[in-house]
Amino acid sequence: MSNILITGSKGQLGTELAAINGQFPHFKLFLTDTDSLDITNFSAVENFIINNKIDIIINCAAYTNVDKAEDEVEISNKINFEAVKNMAEIAKKHALKLIHISTDYVFDGTSQIPYSETVLTNPKNQYGKSKDLGEKALLKINPENSIIIRTSWLYAVSGHNFVKTILKLSKERNEIKVVNDQIGSPTNAADLAKVILTIVPKIDCKNVEIFHFSNQGKCSWFQFAQEIIKISKRNCTVLPITSKEFNSKAYRPNFSLLNTEKIKNTFQINIPTWQDALINCLKKINEIKEGEPKHS
């Protein structure tokens, strides 16, 4: 039995890890969030790890509000950089495995081909810069048997995400406008959670390794929205617009597709297409809705 500390357990990925824990009886998950563990406090994290005999840390905690991060530089750095540095030092000191979740936004979006793990990072917004600092701290401290998993366009049954936003807007409006010039791949957090708990026992590396994980295939946010509308059978038109027209506060990469060959080959895993992953998520959302009590 391995004791695993999950940080950010109320977020999309943390919730999915908790949901499938029963499928992995050899793991005991210790679910924490900001209300139960301050990951920016070195002593608090170390004491928690000692007291609960933690063997593995899965860091799902992150500051993820891309636009707000432009103004909240200090807090985004504290969570995405300083807290990761703390966990890396603690992992090294106590010989723990650390699985840290990062993002496609560490890249600048100028590539013409999917980003491999060896491409140099060059983030163009504060969120990406803070995540890049966290990665670099972990790589420098270099705790044994630890990895970084970069993912992209994460969504889930729970939490605030693009899928749920499109479902909400398509109920309220006849048409919605979605950016068509940013290319990547959506990732169902349920698929990532399953992969993480599957590969944890197989992680064996002297130096920190980086892996990329997203669902297979590529699309724009516009195409993603179209697919959500189509599967959900909503009577709503999706109109394409440019990033310039959308006019968001933070710059977002035009191309952030991740090359996932390394994680597939290293751990012999199959990754569903983004379309199949989306169908599975929407099915679960519908099942939850159907299970809700009806009010008169």
C-alpha atoms as a PDB file:
ATOM      1  CA  MET A   1       0.000   0.000   0.000  1.00  0.00           C
ATOM      2  CA  SER A   2       1.386   3.399  -1.031  1.00  0.00           C
ATOM      3  CA  ASN A   3       0.219   6.607   0.603  1.00  0.00           C
ATOM      4  CA  ILE A   4      -0.326   9.370  -1.976  1.00  0.00           C
ATOM      5  CA  LEU A   5      -0.737  13.056  -1.212  1.00  0.00           C
ATOM      6  CA  ILE A   6      -3.032  14.729  -3.754  1.00  0.00           C
ATOM      7  CA  THR A   7      -2.804  18.520  -3.739  1.00  0.00           C
ATOM      8  CA  GLY A   8      -5.551  20.543  -5.412  1.00  0.00           C
ATOM      9  CA  SER A   9      -7.994  17.696  -4.781  1.00  0.00           C
ATOM     10  CA  LYS A  10     -11.070  19.885  -5.379  1.00  0.00           C
ATOM     11  CA  GLY A  11      -9.904  20.845  -8.869  1.00  0.00           C
ATOM     12  CA  GLN A  12     -10.771  19.001 -12.068  1.00  0.00           C
ATOM     13  CA  LEU A  13      -7.894  16.508 -12.034  1.00  0.00           C
ATOM     14  CA  GLY A  14      -7.920  16.022  -8.251  1.00  0.00           C
ATOM     15  CA  THR A  15     -11.647  15.231  -8.322  1.00  0.00           C
ATOM     16  CA  GLU A  16     -11.133  12.651 -11.086  1.00  0.00           C
ATOM     17  CA  LEU A  17      -8.261  11.010  -9.172  1.00  0.00           C
ATOM     18  CA  ALA A  18     -10.496  10.688  -6.111  1.00  0.00           C
ATOM     19  CA  ALA A  19     -13.315   9.271  -8.254  1.00  0.00           C
ATOM     20  CA  ILE A  20     -11.224   6.350  -9.576  1.00  0.00           C
ATOM     21  CA  ASN A  21      -9.353   5.558  -6.354  1.00  0.00           C
ATOM     22  CA  GLY A  22     -11.439   2.393  -5.908  1.00  0.00           C
ATOM     23  CA  GLN A  23      -9.910   0.972  -9.096  1.00  0.00           C
ATOM     24  CA  PHE A  24      -6.445   1.211  -7.502  1.00  0.00           C
ATOM     25  CA  PRO A  25      -6.782  -0.483  -4.076  1.00  0.00           C
ATOM     26  CA  HIS A  26      -2.998  -0.503  -3.526  1.00  0.00           C
ATOM     27  CA  PHE A  27      -3.082   3.299  -3.160  1.00  0.00           C
ATOM     28  CA  LYS A  28      -4.394   5.283  -0.219  1.00  0.00           C
ATOM     29  CA  LEU A  29      -5.126   8.850  -1.316  1.00  0.00           C
ATOM     30  CA  PHE A  30      -4.783  11.795   1.061  1.00  0.00           C
ATOM     31  CA  LEU A  31      -6.927  14.482  -0.550  1.00  0.00           C
ATOM     32  CA  THR A  32      -5.945  18.056   0.305  1.00  0.00           C
ATOM     33  CA  ASP A  33      -6.835  21.480  -0.953  1.00  0.00           C
ATOM     34  CA  THR A  34      -6.173  25.078   0.122  1.00  0.00           C
ATOM     35  CA  ASP A  35      -8.506  24.700   3.109  1.00  0.00           C
ATOM     36  CA  SER A  36      -6.611  21.679   4.490  1.00  0.00           C
ATOM     37  CA  LEU A  37      -2.983  22.189   3.389  1.00  0.00           C
ATOM     38  CA  ASP A  38      -1.099  25.349   2.453  1.00  0.00           C
ATOM     39  CA  ILE A  39       1.359  24.097  -0.174  1.00  0.00           C
ATOM     40  CA  THR A  40       3.241  27.409  -0.077  1.00  0.00           C
ATOM     41  CA  ASN A  41       4.182  26.648   3.546  1.00  0.00           C
ATOM     42  CA  PHE A  42       7.238  24.354   3.549  1.00  0.00           C
ATOM     43  CA  SER A  43       6.838  23.212   7.181  1.00  0.00           C
ATOM     44  CA  ALA A  44       3.119  22.499   6.807  1.00  0.00           C
ATOM     45  CA  VAL A  45       3.739  20.270   3.771  1.00  0.00           C
ATOM     46  CA  GLU A  46       6.694  18.487   5.358  1.00  0.00           C
ATOM     47  CA  ASN A  47       4.802  17.840   8.606  1.00  0.00           C
ATOM     48  CA  PHE A  48       1.809  16.486   6.683  1.00  0.00           C
ATOM     49  CA  ILE A  49       4.081  14.130   4.759  1.00  0.00           C
ATOM     50  CA  ILE A  50       5.855  12.857   7.886  1.00  0.00           C
ATOM     51  CA  ASN A  51       2.653  12.483   9.941  1.00  0.00           C
ATOM     52  CA  ASN A  52       0.809  10.582   7.196  1.00  0.00           C
ATOM     53  CA  LYS A  53       3.804   8.528   5.990  1.00  0.00           C
ATOM     54  CA  ILE A  54       3.394   9.807   2.424  1.00  0.00           C
ATOM     55  CA  ASP A  55       5.311   7.934  -0.306  1.00  0.00           C
ATOM     56  CA  ILE A  56       4.153   9.854  -3.384  1.00  0.00           C
ATOM     57  CA  ILE A  57       3.024  13.418  -4.128  1.00  0.00           C
ATOM     58  CA  ILE A  58       0.745  14.159  -7.078  1.00  0.00           C
ATOM     59  CA  ASN A  59       0.656  17.930  -7.426  1.00  0.00           C
ATOM     60  CA  CYS A  60      -2.604  18.925  -9.118  1.00  0.00           C
ATOM     61  CA  ALA A  61      -2.713  22.305  -7.386  1.00  0.00           C
ATOM     62  CA  ALA A  62      -2.239  25.298  -9.654  1.00  0.00           C
ATOM     63  CA  TYR A  63      -3.224  28.887 -10.258  1.00  0.00           C
ATOM     64  CA  THR A  64      -4.987  28.466 -13.613  1.00  0.00           C
ATOM     65  CA  ASN A  65      -6.865  31.710 -14.325  1.00  0.00           C
ATOM     66  CA  VAL A  66      -4.875  32.738 -17.414  1.00  0.00           C
ATOM     67  CA  ASP A  67      -6.234  36.280 -17.751  1.00  0.00           C
ATOM     68  CA  LYS A  68      -6.293  37.084 -14.027  1.00  0.00           C
ATOM     69  CA  ALA A  69      -2.673  35.925 -13.685  1.00  0.00           C
ATOM     70  CA  GLU A  70      -1.588  38.952 -15.737  1.00  0.00           C
ATOM     71  CA  ASP A  71      -2.565  41.124 -12.743  1.00  0.00           C
ATOM     72  CA  GLU A  72      -1.915  38.599  -9.960  1.00  0.00           C
ATOM     73  CA  VAL A  73       1.741  37.892 -10.720  1.00  0.00           C
ATOM     74  CA  GLU A  74       2.768  37.370  -7.106  1.00  0.00           C
ATOM     75  CA  ILE A  75       0.074  34.850  -6.187  1.00  0.00           C
ATOM     76  CA  SER A  76       0.406  32.914  -9.472  1.00  0.00           C
ATOM     77  CA  ASN A  77       4.165  32.626  -8.884  1.00  0.00           C
ATOM     78  CA  LYS A  78       3.613  31.601  -5.275  1.00  0.00           C
ATOM     79  CA  ILE A  79       1.353  28.668  -6.223  1.00  0.00           C
ATOM     80  CA  ASN A  80       2.852  27.639  -9.581  1.00  0.00           C
ATOM     81  CA  PHE A  81       6.521  28.197  -8.712  1.00  0.00           C
ATOM     82  CA  GLU A  82       7.323  28.540  -4.991  1.00  0.00           C
ATOM     83  CA  ALA A  83       4.985  25.734  -3.877  1.00  0.00           C
ATOM     84  CA  VAL A  84       6.465  23.405  -6.523  1.00  0.00           C
ATOM     85  CA  LYS A  85       9.962  24.287  -5.311  1.00  0.00           C
ATOM     86  CA  ASN A  86       8.878  23.389  -1.755  1.00  0.00           C
ATOM     87  CA  MET A  87       7.495  20.031  -2.841  1.00  0.00           C
ATOM     88  CA  ALA A  88      10.587  19.255  -4.925  1.00  0.00           C
ATOM     89  CA  GLU A  89      12.881  19.927  -1.948  1.00  0.00           C
ATOM     90  CA  ILE A  90      10.696  17.852   0.373  1.00  0.00           C
ATOM     91  CA  ALA A  91      10.512  15.015  -2.191  1.00  0.00           C
ATOM     92  CA  LYS A  92      14.301  14.983  -2.453  1.00  0.00           C
ATOM     93  CA  LYS A  93      14.832  15.160   1.325  1.00  0.00           C
ATOM     94  CA  HIS A  94      12.392  12.316   2.077  1.00  0.00           C
ATOM     95  CA  ALA A  95      12.979  10.223  -1.100  1.00  0.00           C
ATOM     96  CA  LEU A  96       9.416  10.604  -2.376  1.00  0.00           C
ATOM     97  CA  LYS A  97       8.077  10.286  -5.902  1.00  0.00           C
ATOM     98  CA  LEU A  98       6.684  13.587  -7.191  1.00  0.00           C
ATOM     99  CA  ILE A  99       4.329  13.839 -10.152  1.00  0.00           C
ATOM    100  CA  HIS A 100       3.865  17.473 -11.110  1.00  0.00           C
ATOM    101  CA  ILE A 101       1.242  18.644 -13.609  1.00  0.00           C
ATOM    102  CA  SER A 102       2.220  21.405 -16.023  1.00  0.00           C
ATOM    103  CA  THR A 103       0.836  22.997 -19.168  1.00  0.00           C
ATOM    104  CA  ASP A 104       1.152  23.484 -22.934  1.00  0.00           C
ATOM    105  CA  TYR A 105       1.259  27.249 -22.228  1.00  0.00           C
ATOM    106  CA  VAL A 106       4.984  26.987 -21.407  1.00  0.00           C
ATOM    107  CA  PHE A 107       5.419  27.103 -25.216  1.00  0.00           C
ATOM    108  CA  ASP A 108       5.159  30.197 -27.411  1.00  0.00           C
ATOM    109  CA  GLY A 109       2.842  28.704 -30.036  1.00  0.00           C
ATOM    110  CA  THR A 110       5.070  29.349 -33.055  1.00  0.00           C
ATOM    111  CA  SER A 111       5.738  25.691 -33.923  1.00  0.00           C
ATOM    112  CA  GLN A 112       4.312  24.030 -37.032  1.00  0.00           C
ATOM    113  CA  ILE A 113       4.548  20.521 -35.553  1.00  0.00           C
ATOM    114  CA  PRO A 114       3.422  19.043 -32.184  1.00  0.00           C
ATOM    115  CA  TYR A 115       5.710  20.054 -29.312  1.00  0.00           C
ATOM    116  CA  SER A 116       7.982  17.283 -28.022  1.00  0.00           C
ATOM    117  CA  GLU A 117       9.399  17.232 -24.483  1.00  0.00           C
ATOM    118  CA  THR A 118      12.825  18.386 -25.711  1.00  0.00           C
ATOM    119  CA  VAL A 119      11.659  21.702 -27.225  1.00  0.00           C
ATOM    120  CA  LEU A 120      12.806  24.724 -25.224  1.00  0.00           C
ATOM    121  CA  THR A 121      10.057  26.539 -23.348  1.00  0.00           C
ATOM    122  CA  ASN A 122       9.239  30.154 -24.155  1.00  0.00           C
ATOM    123  CA  PRO A 123       6.036  31.197 -22.355  1.00  0.00           C
ATOM    124  CA  LYS A 124       4.261  34.348 -23.507  1.00  0.00           C
ATOM    125  CA  ASN A 125       1.809  34.959 -20.652  1.00  0.00           C
ATOM    126  CA  GLN A 126       2.170  35.157 -16.864  1.00  0.00           C
ATOM    127  CA  TYR A 127       0.386  31.851 -16.265  1.00  0.00           C
ATOM    128  CA  GLY A 128       2.821  30.080 -18.614  1.00  0.00           C
ATOM    129  CA  LYS A 129       5.796  31.903 -17.087  1.00  0.00           C
ATOM    130  CA  SER A 130       4.814  30.871 -13.543  1.00  0.00           C
ATOM    131  CA  LYS A 131       4.359  27.233 -14.613  1.00  0.00           C
ATOM    132  CA  ASP A 132       7.697  27.336 -16.433  1.00  0.00           C
ATOM    133  CA  LEU A 133       9.411  28.590 -13.259  1.00  0.00           C
ATOM    134  CA  GLY A 134       7.875  25.662 -11.361  1.00  0.00           C
ATOM    135  CA  GLU A 135       9.157  23.189 -13.940  1.00  0.00           C
ATOM    136  CA  LYS A 136      12.658  24.676 -13.874  1.00  0.00           C
ATOM    137  CA  ALA A 137      12.775  24.571 -10.051  1.00  0.00           C
ATOM    138  CA  LEU A 138      11.773  20.899 -10.050  1.00  0.00           C
ATOM    139  CA  LEU A 139      14.318  20.042 -12.766  1.00  0.00           C
ATOM    140  CA  LYS A 140      17.091  21.857 -10.864  1.00  0.00           C
ATOM    141  CA  ILE A 141      16.336  20.251  -7.464  1.00  0.00           C
ATOM    142  CA  ASN A 142      15.945  16.925  -9.294  1.00  0.00           C
ATOM    143  CA  PRO A 143      14.317  14.526  -6.792  1.00  0.00           C
ATOM    144  CA  GLU A 144      14.748  10.912  -7.924  1.00  0.00           C
ATOM    145  CA  ASN A 145      11.800   9.058  -9.520  1.00  0.00           C
ATOM    146  CA  SER A 146       9.894  12.261 -10.247  1.00  0.00           C
ATOM    147  CA  ILE A 147       8.213  13.463 -13.423  1.00  0.00           C
ATOM    148  CA  ILE A 148       6.500  16.463 -14.989  1.00  0.00           C
ATOM    149  CA  ILE A 149       3.378  15.820 -17.064  1.00  0.00           C
ATOM    150  CA  ARG A 150       2.405  18.664 -19.378  1.00  0.00           C
ATOM    151  CA  THR A 151      -1.216  18.613 -20.480  1.00  0.00           C
ATOM    152  CA  SER A 152      -3.509  20.886 -22.495  1.00  0.00           C
ATOM    153  CA  TRP A 153      -7.042  22.279 -22.574  1.00  0.00           C
ATOM    154  CA  LEU A 154      -8.116  20.306 -19.504  1.00  0.00           C
ATOM    155  CA  TYR A 155     -11.818  19.796 -18.803  1.00  0.00           C
ATOM    156  CA  ALA A 156     -13.908  17.514 -16.608  1.00  0.00           C
ATOM    157  CA  VAL A 157     -17.379  16.718 -15.334  1.00  0.00           C
ATOM    158  CA  SER A 158     -16.729  19.017 -12.362  1.00  0.00           C
ATOM    159  CA  GLY A 159     -15.347  22.535 -12.078  1.00  0.00           C
ATOM    160  CA  HIS A 160     -15.262  25.509 -14.443  1.00  0.00           C
ATOM    161  CA  ASN A 161     -14.089  24.620 -17.948  1.00  0.00           C
ATOM    162  CA  PHE A 162     -14.682  25.206 -21.643  1.00  0.00           C
ATOM    163  CA  VAL A 163     -17.080  22.262 -22.075  1.00  0.00           C
ATOM    164  CA  LYS A 164     -19.374  23.409 -19.282  1.00  0.00           C
ATOM    165  CA  THR A 165     -19.201  27.024 -20.460  1.00  0.00           C
ATOM    166  CA  ILE A 166     -20.286  26.030 -23.984  1.00  0.00           C
ATOM    167  CA  LEU A 167     -23.114  23.874 -22.583  1.00  0.00           C
ATOM    168  CA  LYS A 168     -24.329  26.823 -20.489  1.00  0.00           C
ATOM    169  CA  LEU A 169     -24.070  29.409 -23.286  1.00  0.00           C
ATOM    170  CA  SER A 170     -25.725  27.134 -25.849  1.00  0.00           C
ATOM    171  CA  LYS A 171     -28.722  26.877 -23.549  1.00  0.00           C
ATOM    172  CA  GLU A 172     -28.981  30.639 -23.172  1.00  0.00           C
ATOM    173  CA  ARG A 173     -28.154  31.835 -26.719  1.00  0.00           C
ATOM    174  CA  ASN A 174     -28.919  31.028 -30.349  1.00  0.00           C
ATOM    175  CA  GLU A 175     -25.327  31.671 -31.401  1.00  0.00           C
ATOM    176  CA  ILE A 176     -21.918  31.881 -29.774  1.00  0.00           C
ATOM    177  CA  LYS A 177     -18.560  33.098 -31.055  1.00  0.00           C
ATOM    178  CA  VAL A 178     -15.445  30.991 -30.487  1.00  0.00           C
ATOM    179  CA  VAL A 179     -11.794  31.495 -31.433  1.00  0.00           C
ATOM    180  CA  ASN A 180     -10.736  29.585 -34.550  1.00  0.00           C
ATOM    181  CA  ASP A 181      -6.992  30.382 -34.735  1.00  0.00           C
ATOM    182  CA  GLN A 182      -5.701  28.555 -31.649  1.00  0.00           C
ATOM    183  CA  ILE A 183      -4.878  24.888 -32.293  1.00  0.00           C
ATOM    184  CA  GLY A 184      -4.298  22.191 -29.679  1.00  0.00           C
ATOM    185  CA  SER A 185      -5.937  19.128 -28.183  1.00  0.00           C
ATOM    186  CA  PRO A 186      -8.567  19.001 -25.424  1.00  0.00           C
ATOM    187  CA  THR A 187      -7.836  16.671 -22.513  1.00  0.00           C
ATOM    188  CA  ASN A 188     -10.461  14.887 -20.463  1.00  0.00           C
ATOM    189  CA  ALA A 189      -9.170  14.966 -16.862  1.00  0.00           C
ATOM    190  CA  ALA A 190     -10.626  11.469 -16.324  1.00  0.00           C
ATOM    191  CA  ASP A 191      -8.216  10.046 -18.921  1.00  0.00           C
ATOM    192  CA  LEU A 192      -5.238  11.853 -17.408  1.00  0.00           C
ATOM    193  CA  ALA A 193      -6.165  10.703 -13.884  1.00  0.00           C
ATOM    194  CA  LYS A 194      -6.304   7.061 -14.997  1.00  0.00           C
ATOM    195  CA  VAL A 195      -2.928   7.337 -16.726  1.00  0.00           C
ATOM    196  CA  ILE A 196      -1.296   8.932 -13.667  1.00  0.00           C
ATOM    197  CA  LEU A 197      -2.400   6.188 -11.263  1.00  0.00           C
ATOM    198  CA  THR A 198      -1.503   3.516 -13.859  1.00  0.00           C
ATOM    199  CA  ILE A 199       2.059   4.739 -14.430  1.00  0.00           C
ATOM    200  CA  VAL A 200       2.974   5.743 -10.834  1.00  0.00           C
ATOM    201  CA  PRO A 201       4.394   2.295  -9.901  1.00  0.00           C
ATOM    202  CA  LYS A 202       6.374   2.201 -13.179  1.00  0.00           C
ATOM    203  CA  ILE A 203       8.172   5.517 -12.716  1.00  0.00           C
ATOM    204  CA  ASP A 204      11.867   4.764 -12.329  1.00  0.00           C
ATOM    205  CA  CYS A 205      14.259   7.573 -13.240  1.00  0.00           C
ATOM    206  CA  LYS A 206      17.410   9.072 -11.708  1.00  0.00           C
ATOM    207  CA  ASN A 207      16.634  12.512 -13.157  1.00  0.00           C
ATOM    208  CA  VAL A 208      13.300  14.290 -13.457  1.00  0.00           C
ATOM    209  CA  GLU A 209      11.652  13.387 -16.760  1.00  0.00           C
ATOM    210  CA  ILE A 210       9.064  15.339 -18.746  1.00  0.00           C
ATOM    211  CA  PHE A 211       6.086  13.709 -20.480  1.00  0.00           C
ATOM    212  CA  HIS A 212       3.274  15.132 -22.589  1.00  0.00           C
ATOM    213  CA  PHE A 213      -0.307  13.934 -22.286  1.00  0.00           C
ATOM    214  CA  SER A 214      -3.425  15.065 -24.118  1.00  0.00           C
ATOM    215  CA  ASN A 215      -6.181  13.253 -25.939  1.00  0.00           C
ATOM    216  CA  GLN A 216      -5.306  12.291 -29.518  1.00  0.00           C
ATOM    217  CA  GLY A 217      -6.001  14.468 -32.543  1.00  0.00           C
ATOM    218  CA  LYS A 218      -6.124  18.233 -32.905  1.00  0.00           C
ATOM    219  CA  CYS A 219      -8.715  20.980 -33.217  1.00  0.00           C
ATOM    220  CA  SER A 220      -9.341  24.674 -32.697  1.00  0.00           C
ATOM    221  CA  TRP A 221     -11.488  25.954 -29.836  1.00  0.00           C
ATOM    222  CA  PHE A 222     -14.140  26.652 -32.502  1.00  0.00           C
ATOM    223  CA  GLN A 223     -14.089  23.022 -33.689  1.00  0.00           C
ATOM    224  CA  PHE A 224     -14.149  21.836 -30.087  1.00  0.00           C
ATOM    225  CA  ALA A 225     -17.237  23.973 -29.410  1.00  0.00           C
ATOM    226  CA  GLN A 226     -18.907  22.674 -32.587  1.00  0.00           C
ATOM    227  CA  GLU A 227     -18.380  19.090 -31.427  1.00  0.00           C
ATOM    228  CA  ILE A 228     -19.818  19.858 -27.963  1.00  0.00           C
ATOM    229  CA  ILE A 229     -22.936  21.358 -29.609  1.00  0.00           C
ATOM    230  CA  LYS A 230     -23.263  18.450 -32.047  1.00  0.00           C
ATOM    231  CA  ILE A 231     -22.957  15.693 -29.411  1.00  0.00           C
ATOM    232  CA  SER A 232     -25.281  17.554 -27.021  1.00  0.00           C
ATOM    233  CA  LYS A 233     -27.807  18.153 -29.835  1.00  0.00           C
ATOM    234  CA  ARG A 234     -28.124  21.816 -28.894  1.00  0.00           C
ATOM    235  CA  ASN A 235     -29.893  24.253 -31.201  1.00  0.00           C
ATOM    236  CA  CYS A 236     -27.116  26.823 -31.272  1.00  0.00           C
ATOM    237  CA  THR A 237     -24.826  28.130 -34.026  1.00  0.00           C
ATOM    238  CA  VAL A 238     -21.077  28.435 -33.386  1.00  0.00           C
ATOM    239  CA  LEU A 239     -19.378  31.277 -35.261  1.00  0.00           C
ATOM    240  CA  PRO A 240     -15.586  31.447 -35.770  1.00  0.00           C
ATOM    241  CA  ILE A 241     -13.664  34.558 -34.670  1.00  0.00           C
ATOM    242  CA  THR A 242      -9.969  35.435 -34.429  1.00  0.00           C
ATOM    243  CA  SER A 243      -7.985  35.780 -31.198  1.00  0.00           C
ATOM    244  CA  LYS A 244      -7.694  39.482 -31.984  1.00  0.00           C
ATOM    245  CA  GLU A 245     -11.483  39.805 -32.150  1.00  0.00           C
ATOM    246  CA  PHE A 246     -11.874  37.884 -28.874  1.00  0.00           C
ATOM    247  CA  ASN A 247      -9.476  40.376 -27.280  1.00  0.00           C
ATOM    248  CA  SER A 248      -8.496  38.476 -24.109  1.00  0.00           C
ATOM    249  CA  LYS A 249      -6.165  40.050 -21.558  1.00  0.00           C
ATOM    250  CA  ALA A 250      -3.481  37.332 -21.809  1.00  0.00           C
ATOM    251  CA  TYR A 251      -1.831  36.126 -25.004  1.00  0.00           C
ATOM    252  CA  ARG A 252      -2.603  32.482 -25.798  1.00  0.00           C
ATOM    253  CA  PRO A 253      -0.449  30.303 -28.082  1.00  0.00           C
ATOM    254  CA  ASN A 254      -1.780  29.898 -31.639  1.00  0.00           C
ATOM    255  CA  PHE A 255      -0.444  26.332 -31.734  1.00  0.00           C
ATOM    256  CA  SER A 256       0.150  24.270 -28.606  1.00  0.00           C
ATOM    257  CA  LEU A 257      -0.417  20.705 -29.766  1.00  0.00           C
ATOM    258  CA  LEU A 258       1.605  18.245 -27.662  1.00  0.00           C
ATOM    259  CA  ASN A 259       3.479  15.246 -29.026  1.00  0.00           C
ATOM    260  CA  THR A 260       2.421  12.309 -26.804  1.00  0.00           C
ATOM    261  CA  GLU A 261       4.599   9.545 -28.302  1.00  0.00           C
ATOM    262  CA  LYS A 262       7.010   9.445 -25.339  1.00  0.00           C
ATOM    263  CA  ILE A 263       4.398   8.678 -22.653  1.00  0.00           C
ATOM    264  CA  LYS A 264       2.677   6.130 -24.931  1.00  0.00           C
ATOM    265  CA  ASN A 265       5.904   4.287 -25.712  1.00  0.00           C
ATOM    266  CA  THR A 266       7.485   4.500 -22.239  1.00  0.00           C
ATOM    267  CA  PHE A 267       4.455   3.170 -20.356  1.00  0.00           C
ATOM    268  CA  GLN A 268       2.698   1.229 -23.155  1.00  0.00           C
ATOM    269  CA  ILE A 269      -0.579   3.124 -22.850  1.00  0.00           C
ATOM    270  CA  ASN A 270      -3.371   3.856 -25.318  1.00  0.00           C
ATOM    271  CA  ILE A 271      -4.828   7.359 -25.411  1.00  0.00           C
ATOM    272  CA  PRO A 272      -8.423   7.979 -26.607  1.00  0.00           C
ATOM    273  CA  THR A 273      -9.167  10.565 -29.296  1.00  0.00           C
ATOM    274  CA  TRP A 274     -10.425  13.929 -28.075  1.00  0.00           C
ATOM    275  CA  GLN A 275     -13.790  13.207 -29.721  1.00  0.00           C
ATOM    276  CA  ASP A 276     -14.279   9.906 -27.851  1.00  0.00           C
ATOM    277  CA  ALA A 277     -13.076  11.500 -24.612  1.00  0.00           C
ATOM    278  CA  LEU A 278     -15.592  14.318 -25.041  1.00  0.00           C
ATOM    279  CA  ILE A 279     -18.455  11.848 -25.654  1.00  0.00           C
ATOM    280  CA  ASN A 280     -17.555  10.081 -22.383  1.00  0.00           C
ATOM    281  CA  CYS A 281     -17.505  13.334 -20.418  1.00  0.00           C
ATOM    282  CA  LEU A 282     -20.815  14.606 -21.827  1.00  0.00           C
ATOM    283  CA  LYS A 283     -22.405  11.235 -21.079  1.00  0.00           C
ATOM    284  CA  LYS A 284     -21.331  11.534 -17.434  1.00  0.00           C
ATOM    285  CA  ILE A 285     -22.624  15.120 -17.224  1.00  0.00           C
ATOM    286  CA  ASN A 286     -26.010  13.931 -18.533  1.00  0.00           C
ATOM    287  CA  GLU A 287     -26.105  11.029 -16.072  1.00  0.00           C
ATOM    288  CA  ILE A 288     -25.480  13.456 -13.203  1.00  0.00           C
ATOM    289  CA  LYS A 289     -28.257  15.768 -14.457  1.00  0.00           C
ATOM    290  CA  GLU A 290     -30.696  12.880 -14.802  1.00  0.00           C
ATOM    291  CA  GLY A 291     -29.875  11.780 -11.254  1.00  0.00           C
ATOM    292  CA  GLU A 292     -30.631  15.205  -9.792  1.00  0.00           C
ATOM    293  CA  PRO A 293     -33.882  15.490  -7.827  1.00  0.00           C
ATOM    294  CA  LYS A 294     -36.710  17.147  -9.791  1.00  0.00           C
ATOM    295  CA  HIS A 295     -38.261  20.243  -8.189  1.00  0.00           C
ATOM    296  CA  SER A 296     -41.836  21.308  -8.878  1.00  0.00           C
END
